[in-house]
Amino acid sequence: MYTAPFTYRKATSLAEALQLLQQDPEAKLLAGGHSLIPAMKLRLAAPSTLIDISKLSELRGVRREGETLVIGAMTTYREIENHPLVRELCPLIPQVLRHVGDPMVRAKGTIGGSLAHADPAADLPAAMLALGARIKAQGPGGARVIEAEEFFTGMFSTALQEGEILTEVHIPIRPGARTAYAKFPHPASRYAVVGVAVVVDGGEVRAAVTGAGEHAMRLGKLEQALSGKPLTAEAISAACQNLLSPEGLNHYLAASREYRAHLVDVMAKRALMQALGL
């Protein structure tokens, strides 16, 4: 299928990209393109202008700043998955990225593109919530940082304001934390029917789910049940019961609300068992 007509602009700097967004409020940013281009071909999206930011080197790369791991928005999945700093300081992210698409998708897809698109079945949002990440955005009024829990606001909806560009992801470094991601993938798309990311940091348990609802969310009931408690197999099994009510969960042919709620319990248990080696 063919897209609706659009104007193509290639930004050479972040400042230019911001300026182009100001000129056309209906414009869309083109990063890896794996989500936007198919939507345009299906006429689910019809931006008047595409602003290509794929070559902005200032938005790429991984670095450490004190006790924070900083990942540029245009850094690809493959670059992140293989980066020694990420593997050492935040192993959950490579664990999650191994579940994303296939090698070709991971070679082009970007962390910023995934988070800004906010697909309710994407893998990375659950990891960002479990890790306590912060999202940095740049707009006409300057830069601001958004907590991951405040960033995902609905289905394909985020806290990014008009004219803002997601520029970096800031992830707290948690030495010694044990992490895992358990996913039940859709057999055709490989998107998560349900995926659960967990971080066990000392006595604190953090967990988040993707695929279940309109956007990724923390599993507060599970966190409260296990944080500060002995993490035995029996305790985990008891805690991973009825974590989410079926009411309000996604419902379509791949999985009913009730089945999805059941999968949340199962995937949460698997992720915790894997993280703790039980």
C-alpha atoms as a PDB file:
ATOM      1  CA  MET A   1       0.000   0.000   0.000  1.00  0.00           C
ATOM      2  CA  TYR A   2       1.055   3.590  -0.562  1.00  0.00           C
ATOM      3  CA  THR A   3       1.269   6.407   1.930  1.00  0.00           C
ATOM      4  CA  ALA A   4      -0.557   9.703   1.646  1.00  0.00           C
ATOM      5  CA  PRO A   5       1.603  12.471   0.127  1.00  0.00           C
ATOM      6  CA  PHE A   6       4.098  14.074   2.516  1.00  0.00           C
ATOM      7  CA  THR A   7       7.101  16.370   2.531  1.00  0.00           C
ATOM      8  CA  TYR A   8      10.438  14.840   3.523  1.00  0.00           C
ATOM      9  CA  ARG A   9      12.962  16.913   5.479  1.00  0.00           C
ATOM     10  CA  LYS A  10      16.301  15.639   6.764  1.00  0.00           C
ATOM     11  CA  ALA A  11      17.474  17.420   9.921  1.00  0.00           C
ATOM     12  CA  THR A  12      21.208  17.982  10.308  1.00  0.00           C
ATOM     13  CA  SER A  13      21.052  18.965  13.973  1.00  0.00           C
ATOM     14  CA  LEU A  14      18.724  18.809  16.965  1.00  0.00           C
ATOM     15  CA  ALA A  15      18.209  22.564  16.712  1.00  0.00           C
ATOM     16  CA  GLU A  16      17.103  22.227  13.104  1.00  0.00           C
ATOM     17  CA  ALA A  17      14.745  19.363  13.945  1.00  0.00           C
ATOM     18  CA  LEU A  18      13.127  21.474  16.671  1.00  0.00           C
ATOM     19  CA  GLN A  19      12.778  24.372  14.252  1.00  0.00           C
ATOM     20  CA  LEU A  20      11.140  22.160  11.619  1.00  0.00           C
ATOM     21  CA  LEU A  21       8.674  20.869  14.210  1.00  0.00           C
ATOM     22  CA  GLN A  22       7.743  24.443  15.066  1.00  0.00           C
ATOM     23  CA  GLN A  23       7.090  25.195  11.400  1.00  0.00           C
ATOM     24  CA  ASP A  24       4.688  22.269  10.957  1.00  0.00           C
ATOM     25  CA  PRO A  25       2.752  21.033  14.013  1.00  0.00           C
ATOM     26  CA  GLU A  26       1.445  18.088  11.929  1.00  0.00           C
ATOM     27  CA  ALA A  27       4.973  16.805  11.226  1.00  0.00           C
ATOM     28  CA  LYS A  28       6.269  13.483  12.546  1.00  0.00           C
ATOM     29  CA  LEU A  29       9.808  12.471  13.442  1.00  0.00           C
ATOM     30  CA  LEU A  30      11.348   9.584  11.526  1.00  0.00           C
ATOM     31  CA  ALA A  31      13.818   7.501  13.559  1.00  0.00           C
ATOM     32  CA  GLY A  32      14.071   3.788  12.743  1.00  0.00           C
ATOM     33  CA  GLY A  33      10.719   3.898  10.947  1.00  0.00           C
ATOM     34  CA  HIS A  34       9.586   0.384  11.872  1.00  0.00           C
ATOM     35  CA  SER A  35       6.368   1.642  13.461  1.00  0.00           C
ATOM     36  CA  LEU A  36       5.649   4.891  11.633  1.00  0.00           C
ATOM     37  CA  ILE A  37       6.124   3.729   8.025  1.00  0.00           C
ATOM     38  CA  PRO A  38       3.769   0.718   8.311  1.00  0.00           C
ATOM     39  CA  ALA A  39       1.166   2.965   9.960  1.00  0.00           C
ATOM     40  CA  MET A  40       1.505   5.421   7.079  1.00  0.00           C
ATOM     41  CA  LYS A  41       1.128   2.654   4.495  1.00  0.00           C
ATOM     42  CA  LEU A  42      -2.079   1.530   6.180  1.00  0.00           C
ATOM     43  CA  ARG A  43      -3.248   5.183   6.280  1.00  0.00           C
ATOM     44  CA  LEU A  44      -3.438   4.997  10.056  1.00  0.00           C
ATOM     45  CA  ALA A  45      -1.049   7.954  10.088  1.00  0.00           C
ATOM     46  CA  ALA A  46      -0.795  10.696   7.498  1.00  0.00           C
ATOM     47  CA  PRO A  47       1.739  13.324   8.616  1.00  0.00           C
ATOM     48  CA  SER A  48       2.153  16.298   6.326  1.00  0.00           C
ATOM     49  CA  THR A  49       5.921  16.246   6.861  1.00  0.00           C
ATOM     50  CA  LEU A  50       8.457  13.626   7.872  1.00  0.00           C
ATOM     51  CA  ILE A  51      11.487  14.997   9.703  1.00  0.00           C
ATOM     52  CA  ASP A  52      14.317  12.479   9.457  1.00  0.00           C
ATOM     53  CA  ILE A  53      16.509  12.555  12.586  1.00  0.00           C
ATOM     54  CA  SER A  54      18.187   9.190  11.988  1.00  0.00           C
ATOM     55  CA  LYS A  55      21.628  10.692  11.355  1.00  0.00           C
ATOM     56  CA  LEU A  56      21.810  13.041  14.331  1.00  0.00           C
ATOM     57  CA  SER A  57      25.010  11.871  16.013  1.00  0.00           C
ATOM     58  CA  GLU A  58      24.333  14.164  18.987  1.00  0.00           C
ATOM     59  CA  LEU A  59      21.397  11.893  19.892  1.00  0.00           C
ATOM     60  CA  ARG A  60      23.417   8.654  19.750  1.00  0.00           C
ATOM     61  CA  GLY A  61      25.700   6.907  22.165  1.00  0.00           C
ATOM     62  CA  VAL A  62      25.997   5.487  25.668  1.00  0.00           C
ATOM     63  CA  ARG A  63      27.862   7.061  28.561  1.00  0.00           C
ATOM     64  CA  ARG A  64      28.060   6.988  32.330  1.00  0.00           C
ATOM     65  CA  GLU A  65      27.392  10.117  34.368  1.00  0.00           C
ATOM     66  CA  GLY A  66      28.037   9.379  38.032  1.00  0.00           C
ATOM     67  CA  GLU A  67      25.482   6.789  39.106  1.00  0.00           C
ATOM     68  CA  THR A  68      23.407   7.157  35.939  1.00  0.00           C
ATOM     69  CA  LEU A  69      23.617   5.380  32.607  1.00  0.00           C
ATOM     70  CA  VAL A  70      22.710   7.776  29.786  1.00  0.00           C
ATOM     71  CA  ILE A  71      21.543   6.438  26.413  1.00  0.00           C
ATOM     72  CA  GLY A  72      20.956   8.734  23.457  1.00  0.00           C
ATOM     73  CA  ALA A  73      17.510   8.489  21.892  1.00  0.00           C
ATOM     74  CA  MET A  74      18.806   7.552  18.431  1.00  0.00           C
ATOM     75  CA  THR A  75      20.985   4.706  19.695  1.00  0.00           C
ATOM     76  CA  THR A  76      19.830   1.492  18.041  1.00  0.00           C
ATOM     77  CA  TYR A  77      18.766  -1.654  19.845  1.00  0.00           C
ATOM     78  CA  ARG A  78      21.774  -3.494  18.436  1.00  0.00           C
ATOM     79  CA  GLU A  79      24.209  -0.829  19.628  1.00  0.00           C
ATOM     80  CA  ILE A  80      22.660  -0.890  23.102  1.00  0.00           C
ATOM     81  CA  GLU A  81      22.456  -4.681  23.305  1.00  0.00           C
ATOM     82  CA  ASN A  82      26.165  -5.057  22.501  1.00  0.00           C
ATOM     83  CA  HIS A  83      27.509  -2.054  24.409  1.00  0.00           C
ATOM     84  CA  PRO A  84      29.875  -3.118  27.238  1.00  0.00           C
ATOM     85  CA  LEU A  85      28.672  -0.348  29.582  1.00  0.00           C
ATOM     86  CA  VAL A  86      25.050  -1.423  29.214  1.00  0.00           C
ATOM     87  CA  ARG A  87      25.897  -5.082  29.719  1.00  0.00           C
ATOM     88  CA  GLU A  88      27.877  -4.268  32.834  1.00  0.00           C
ATOM     89  CA  LEU A  89      25.728  -1.583  34.445  1.00  0.00           C
ATOM     90  CA  CYS A  90      22.193  -2.454  33.311  1.00  0.00           C
ATOM     91  CA  PRO A  91      21.869  -6.073  32.152  1.00  0.00           C
ATOM     92  CA  LEU A  92      18.061  -5.879  32.126  1.00  0.00           C
ATOM     93  CA  ILE A  93      18.096  -3.841  28.923  1.00  0.00           C
ATOM     94  CA  PRO A  94      20.012  -6.445  26.858  1.00  0.00           C
ATOM     95  CA  GLN A  95      17.751  -9.099  28.391  1.00  0.00           C
ATOM     96  CA  VAL A  96      14.717  -7.199  27.109  1.00  0.00           C
ATOM     97  CA  LEU A  97      16.151  -6.300  23.708  1.00  0.00           C
ATOM     98  CA  ARG A  98      16.793  -9.939  22.873  1.00  0.00           C
ATOM     99  CA  HIS A  99      12.991 -10.270  22.782  1.00  0.00           C
ATOM    100  CA  VAL A 100      12.490  -7.424  20.281  1.00  0.00           C
ATOM    101  CA  GLY A 101      11.729  -8.355  16.683  1.00  0.00           C
ATOM    102  CA  ASP A 102      14.652  -9.909  14.826  1.00  0.00           C
ATOM    103  CA  PRO A 103      18.269  -8.861  14.100  1.00  0.00           C
ATOM    104  CA  MET A 104      17.207  -6.589  11.218  1.00  0.00           C
ATOM    105  CA  VAL A 105      14.672  -4.783  13.392  1.00  0.00           C
ATOM    106  CA  ARG A 106      17.205  -4.376  16.186  1.00  0.00           C
ATOM    107  CA  ALA A 107      19.736  -2.954  13.731  1.00  0.00           C
ATOM    108  CA  LYS A 108      17.414  -0.053  12.831  1.00  0.00           C
ATOM    109  CA  GLY A 109      15.030   0.422  15.755  1.00  0.00           C
ATOM    110  CA  THR A 110      15.960   3.050  18.348  1.00  0.00           C
ATOM    111  CA  ILE A 111      15.288   3.326  22.055  1.00  0.00           C
ATOM    112  CA  GLY A 112      13.880   6.838  21.698  1.00  0.00           C
ATOM    113  CA  GLY A 113      11.611   5.836  18.838  1.00  0.00           C
ATOM    114  CA  SER A 114      10.176   2.947  20.824  1.00  0.00           C
ATOM    115  CA  LEU A 115       9.506   4.994  23.946  1.00  0.00           C
ATOM    116  CA  ALA A 116       8.032   7.961  22.075  1.00  0.00           C
ATOM    117  CA  HIS A 117       5.779   5.669  20.027  1.00  0.00           C
ATOM    118  CA  ALA A 118       4.517   4.068  23.274  1.00  0.00           C
ATOM    119  CA  ASP A 119       3.046   0.951  21.729  1.00  0.00           C
ATOM    120  CA  PRO A 120       1.073  -0.752  24.525  1.00  0.00           C
ATOM    121  CA  ALA A 121       2.744  -4.080  23.635  1.00  0.00           C
ATOM    122  CA  ALA A 122       6.328  -2.825  23.262  1.00  0.00           C
ATOM    123  CA  ASP A 123       8.988  -4.408  25.470  1.00  0.00           C
ATOM    124  CA  LEU A 124      11.133  -1.440  26.540  1.00  0.00           C
ATOM    125  CA  PRO A 125       8.492   0.568  28.474  1.00  0.00           C
ATOM    126  CA  ALA A 126       8.195  -2.163  31.116  1.00  0.00           C
ATOM    127  CA  ALA A 127      11.971  -2.132  31.591  1.00  0.00           C
ATOM    128  CA  MET A 128      12.025   1.655  31.948  1.00  0.00           C
ATOM    129  CA  LEU A 129       9.403   1.513  34.686  1.00  0.00           C
ATOM    130  CA  ALA A 130      11.074  -1.327  36.563  1.00  0.00           C
ATOM    131  CA  LEU A 131      14.426   0.461  36.413  1.00  0.00           C
ATOM    132  CA  GLY A 132      13.051   3.831  37.520  1.00  0.00           C
ATOM    133  CA  ALA A 133      14.298   5.534  34.353  1.00  0.00           C
ATOM    134  CA  ARG A 134      13.858   9.198  33.491  1.00  0.00           C
ATOM    135  CA  ILE A 135      13.204  10.545  30.006  1.00  0.00           C
ATOM    136  CA  LYS A 136      14.864  13.758  28.859  1.00  0.00           C
ATOM    137  CA  ALA A 137      13.043  15.877  26.282  1.00  0.00           C
ATOM    138  CA  GLN A 138      14.081  19.023  24.447  1.00  0.00           C
ATOM    139  CA  GLY A 139      11.541  21.543  23.252  1.00  0.00           C
ATOM    140  CA  PRO A 140      11.260  25.179  22.236  1.00  0.00           C
ATOM    141  CA  GLY A 141      11.186  26.152  25.911  1.00  0.00           C
ATOM    142  CA  GLY A 142      14.310  24.167  26.819  1.00  0.00           C
ATOM    143  CA  ALA A 143      15.006  20.744  28.291  1.00  0.00           C
ATOM    144  CA  ARG A 144      13.084  18.846  30.952  1.00  0.00           C
ATOM    145  CA  VAL A 145      13.230  15.402  32.536  1.00  0.00           C
ATOM    146  CA  ILE A 146      10.156  13.185  32.896  1.00  0.00           C
ATOM    147  CA  GLU A 147       9.886  10.233  35.257  1.00  0.00           C
ATOM    148  CA  ALA A 148       9.065   7.003  33.413  1.00  0.00           C
ATOM    149  CA  GLU A 149       5.945   6.541  35.561  1.00  0.00           C
ATOM    150  CA  GLU A 150       4.637   9.873  34.292  1.00  0.00           C
ATOM    151  CA  PHE A 151       5.803   9.420  30.700  1.00  0.00           C
ATOM    152  CA  PHE A 152       3.402   6.722  29.450  1.00  0.00           C
ATOM    153  CA  THR A 153      -0.074   8.222  29.589  1.00  0.00           C
ATOM    154  CA  GLY A 154      -2.205   6.029  27.311  1.00  0.00           C
ATOM    155  CA  MET A 155      -2.301   3.911  24.180  1.00  0.00           C
ATOM    156  CA  PHE A 156       0.341   5.386  21.840  1.00  0.00           C
ATOM    157  CA  SER A 157       0.335   8.439  24.100  1.00  0.00           C
ATOM    158  CA  THR A 158       3.088  10.035  26.178  1.00  0.00           C
ATOM    159  CA  ALA A 159       3.772  13.133  28.240  1.00  0.00           C
ATOM    160  CA  LEU A 160       5.798  14.673  25.412  1.00  0.00           C
ATOM    161  CA  GLN A 161       4.411  18.084  24.571  1.00  0.00           C
ATOM    162  CA  GLU A 162       3.924  19.559  21.121  1.00  0.00           C
ATOM    163  CA  GLY A 163       7.273  20.435  19.593  1.00  0.00           C
ATOM    164  CA  GLU A 164       9.326  18.322  22.013  1.00  0.00           C
ATOM    165  CA  ILE A 165      11.860  15.679  21.014  1.00  0.00           C
ATOM    166  CA  LEU A 166      12.921  12.813  23.252  1.00  0.00           C
ATOM    167  CA  THR A 167      16.716  13.153  23.438  1.00  0.00           C
ATOM    168  CA  GLU A 168      18.056  10.858  26.179  1.00  0.00           C
ATOM    169  CA  VAL A 169      17.138   8.084  28.578  1.00  0.00           C
ATOM    170  CA  HIS A 170      18.625   8.255  32.094  1.00  0.00           C
ATOM    171  CA  ILE A 171      18.788   4.969  33.991  1.00  0.00           C
ATOM    172  CA  PRO A 172      19.884   4.687  37.643  1.00  0.00           C
ATOM    173  CA  ILE A 173      22.782   2.277  38.074  1.00  0.00           C
ATOM    174  CA  ARG A 174      21.861  -0.429  40.581  1.00  0.00           C
ATOM    175  CA  PRO A 175      25.012  -2.404  41.482  1.00  0.00           C
ATOM    176  CA  GLY A 176      24.249  -6.013  42.332  1.00  0.00           C
ATOM    177  CA  ALA A 177      20.597  -5.816  41.323  1.00  0.00           C
ATOM    178  CA  ARG A 178      19.099  -8.996  39.923  1.00  0.00           C
ATOM    179  CA  THR A 179      16.909  -8.549  36.875  1.00  0.00           C
ATOM    180  CA  ALA A 180      14.873 -10.522  34.352  1.00  0.00           C
ATOM    181  CA  TYR A 181      12.226 -10.151  31.672  1.00  0.00           C
ATOM    182  CA  ALA A 182       9.605 -12.803  30.931  1.00  0.00           C
ATOM    183  CA  LYS A 183       7.424 -12.457  27.855  1.00  0.00           C
ATOM    184  CA  PHE A 184       4.535 -14.280  26.223  1.00  0.00           C
ATOM    185  CA  PRO A 185       4.833 -13.131  22.590  1.00  0.00           C
ATOM    186  CA  HIS A 186       2.162 -12.918  19.946  1.00  0.00           C
ATOM    187  CA  PRO A 187       2.996 -15.769  17.550  1.00  0.00           C
ATOM    188  CA  ALA A 188       2.863 -13.565  14.455  1.00  0.00           C
ATOM    189  CA  SER A 189       4.048 -10.096  15.455  1.00  0.00           C
ATOM    190  CA  ARG A 190       6.317 -11.127  18.375  1.00  0.00           C
ATOM    191  CA  TYR A 191       4.955  -8.156  20.318  1.00  0.00           C
ATOM    192  CA  ALA A 192       4.154  -8.881  23.950  1.00  0.00           C
ATOM    193  CA  VAL A 193       0.748 -10.296  24.726  1.00  0.00           C
ATOM    194  CA  VAL A 194       2.126  -9.832  28.227  1.00  0.00           C
ATOM    195  CA  GLY A 195       5.687  -9.098  29.311  1.00  0.00           C
ATOM    196  CA  VAL A 196       6.957  -8.512  32.852  1.00  0.00           C
ATOM    197  CA  ALA A 197      10.257  -6.889  33.822  1.00  0.00           C
ATOM    198  CA  VAL A 198      11.568  -7.226  37.373  1.00  0.00           C
ATOM    199  CA  VAL A 199      14.399  -5.642  39.354  1.00  0.00           C
ATOM    200  CA  VAL A 200      15.380  -7.019  42.757  1.00  0.00           C
ATOM    201  CA  ASP A 201      17.672  -4.485  44.415  1.00  0.00           C
ATOM    202  CA  GLY A 202      18.533  -5.482  47.955  1.00  0.00           C
ATOM    203  CA  GLY A 203      15.211  -5.665  49.762  1.00  0.00           C
ATOM    204  CA  GLU A 204      13.338  -3.690  47.098  1.00  0.00           C
ATOM    205  CA  VAL A 205      11.333  -5.422  44.380  1.00  0.00           C
ATOM    206  CA  ARG A 206      10.299  -3.411  41.341  1.00  0.00           C
ATOM    207  CA  ALA A 207       8.114  -4.895  38.607  1.00  0.00           C
ATOM    208  CA  ALA A 208       6.300  -3.592  35.545  1.00  0.00           C
ATOM    209  CA  VAL A 209       4.113  -5.117  32.877  1.00  0.00           C
ATOM    210  CA  THR A 210       3.582  -4.361  29.195  1.00  0.00           C
ATOM    211  CA  GLY A 211       0.915  -5.679  26.826  1.00  0.00           C
ATOM    212  CA  ALA A 212      -1.768  -6.007  29.473  1.00  0.00           C
ATOM    213  CA  GLY A 213      -3.334  -2.548  29.399  1.00  0.00           C
ATOM    214  CA  GLU A 214      -3.347   0.667  27.401  1.00  0.00           C
ATOM    215  CA  HIS A 215       0.227   1.358  28.459  1.00  0.00           C
ATOM    216  CA  ALA A 216       2.996  -0.200  30.541  1.00  0.00           C
ATOM    217  CA  MET A 217       2.415   0.000  34.292  1.00  0.00           C
ATOM    218  CA  ARG A 218       4.034  -0.876  37.608  1.00  0.00           C
ATOM    219  CA  LEU A 219       2.798  -3.960  39.448  1.00  0.00           C
ATOM    220  CA  GLY A 220       2.330  -2.239  42.780  1.00  0.00           C
ATOM    221  CA  LYS A 221       0.511  -5.138  44.422  1.00  0.00           C
ATOM    222  CA  LEU A 222       3.437  -7.467  43.710  1.00  0.00           C
ATOM    223  CA  GLU A 223       6.027  -4.923  44.848  1.00  0.00           C
ATOM    224  CA  GLN A 224       4.263  -4.346  48.153  1.00  0.00           C
ATOM    225  CA  ALA A 225       3.844  -8.055  48.775  1.00  0.00           C
ATOM    226  CA  LEU A 226       7.534  -8.904  48.299  1.00  0.00           C
ATOM    227  CA  SER A 227       9.651  -5.844  49.104  1.00  0.00           C
ATOM    228  CA  GLY A 228      11.502  -6.321  52.385  1.00  0.00           C
ATOM    229  CA  LYS A 229      10.388  -9.965  52.646  1.00  0.00           C
ATOM    230  CA  PRO A 230      12.320 -13.241  52.242  1.00  0.00           C
ATOM    231  CA  LEU A 231      12.143 -14.055  48.527  1.00  0.00           C
ATOM    232  CA  THR A 232      11.459 -17.770  48.578  1.00  0.00           C
ATOM    233  CA  ALA A 233       9.771 -19.718  45.815  1.00  0.00           C
ATOM    234  CA  GLU A 234       6.744 -20.150  48.050  1.00  0.00           C
ATOM    235  CA  ALA A 235       6.508 -16.425  48.789  1.00  0.00           C
ATOM    236  CA  ILE A 236       6.779 -15.556  45.098  1.00  0.00           C
ATOM    237  CA  SER A 237       4.110 -18.078  44.123  1.00  0.00           C
ATOM    238  CA  ALA A 238       1.769 -16.690  46.777  1.00  0.00           C
ATOM    239  CA  ALA A 239       2.392 -13.092  45.709  1.00  0.00           C
ATOM    240  CA  CYS A 240       1.843 -13.752  41.992  1.00  0.00           C
ATOM    241  CA  GLN A 241      -1.893 -14.234  42.312  1.00  0.00           C
ATOM    242  CA  ASN A 242      -4.540 -11.901  40.866  1.00  0.00           C
ATOM    243  CA  LEU A 243      -2.045  -9.094  40.330  1.00  0.00           C
ATOM    244  CA  LEU A 244      -4.372  -7.219  37.957  1.00  0.00           C
ATOM    245  CA  SER A 245      -8.124  -7.253  37.603  1.00  0.00           C
ATOM    246  CA  PRO A 246      -9.276  -8.293  34.097  1.00  0.00           C
ATOM    247  CA  GLU A 247     -11.479  -5.212  34.005  1.00  0.00           C
ATOM    248  CA  GLY A 248      -9.804  -2.564  31.884  1.00  0.00           C
ATOM    249  CA  LEU A 249      -7.187  -4.854  30.341  1.00  0.00           C
ATOM    250  CA  ASN A 250      -6.742  -5.182  26.586  1.00  0.00           C
ATOM    251  CA  HIS A 251      -9.169  -7.535  24.875  1.00  0.00           C
ATOM    252  CA  TYR A 252      -8.883  -8.791  21.312  1.00  0.00           C
ATOM    253  CA  LEU A 253      -8.467 -12.040  19.369  1.00  0.00           C
ATOM    254  CA  ALA A 254      -4.967 -12.829  20.650  1.00  0.00           C
ATOM    255  CA  ALA A 255      -6.062 -12.894  24.288  1.00  0.00           C
ATOM    256  CA  SER A 256      -9.123 -12.114  26.336  1.00  0.00           C
ATOM    257  CA  ARG A 257      -8.985  -9.845  29.383  1.00  0.00           C
ATOM    258  CA  GLU A 258      -9.199 -12.845  31.679  1.00  0.00           C
ATOM    259  CA  TYR A 259      -6.437 -14.725  29.889  1.00  0.00           C
ATOM    260  CA  ARG A 260      -4.242 -11.643  29.891  1.00  0.00           C
ATOM    261  CA  ALA A 261      -4.716 -11.204  33.644  1.00  0.00           C
ATOM    262  CA  HIS A 262      -3.693 -14.832  34.104  1.00  0.00           C
ATOM    263  CA  LEU A 263      -0.597 -14.277  31.963  1.00  0.00           C
ATOM    264  CA  VAL A 264       0.447 -11.330  34.145  1.00  0.00           C
ATOM    265  CA  ASP A 265       0.593 -13.679  37.157  1.00  0.00           C
ATOM    266  CA  VAL A 266       2.499 -16.346  35.214  1.00  0.00           C
ATOM    267  CA  MET A 267       5.023 -14.003  33.609  1.00  0.00           C
ATOM    268  CA  ALA A 268       5.648 -12.157  36.884  1.00  0.00           C
ATOM    269  CA  LYS A 269       6.412 -15.447  38.627  1.00  0.00           C
ATOM    270  CA  ARG A 270       8.705 -16.586  35.805  1.00  0.00           C
ATOM    271  CA  ALA A 271      10.597 -13.292  35.767  1.00  0.00           C
ATOM    272  CA  LEU A 272      11.161 -13.329  39.524  1.00  0.00           C
ATOM    273  CA  MET A 273      12.220 -16.967  39.564  1.00  0.00           C
ATOM    274  CA  GLN A 274      14.646 -16.286  36.729  1.00  0.00           C
ATOM    275  CA  ALA A 275      16.078 -13.169  38.379  1.00  0.00           C
ATOM    276  CA  LEU A 276      16.648 -15.002  41.659  1.00  0.00           C
ATOM    277  CA  GLY A 277      17.814 -18.277  40.152  1.00  0.00           C
ATOM    278  CA  LEU A 278      15.062 -20.262  41.839  1.00  0.00           C
END
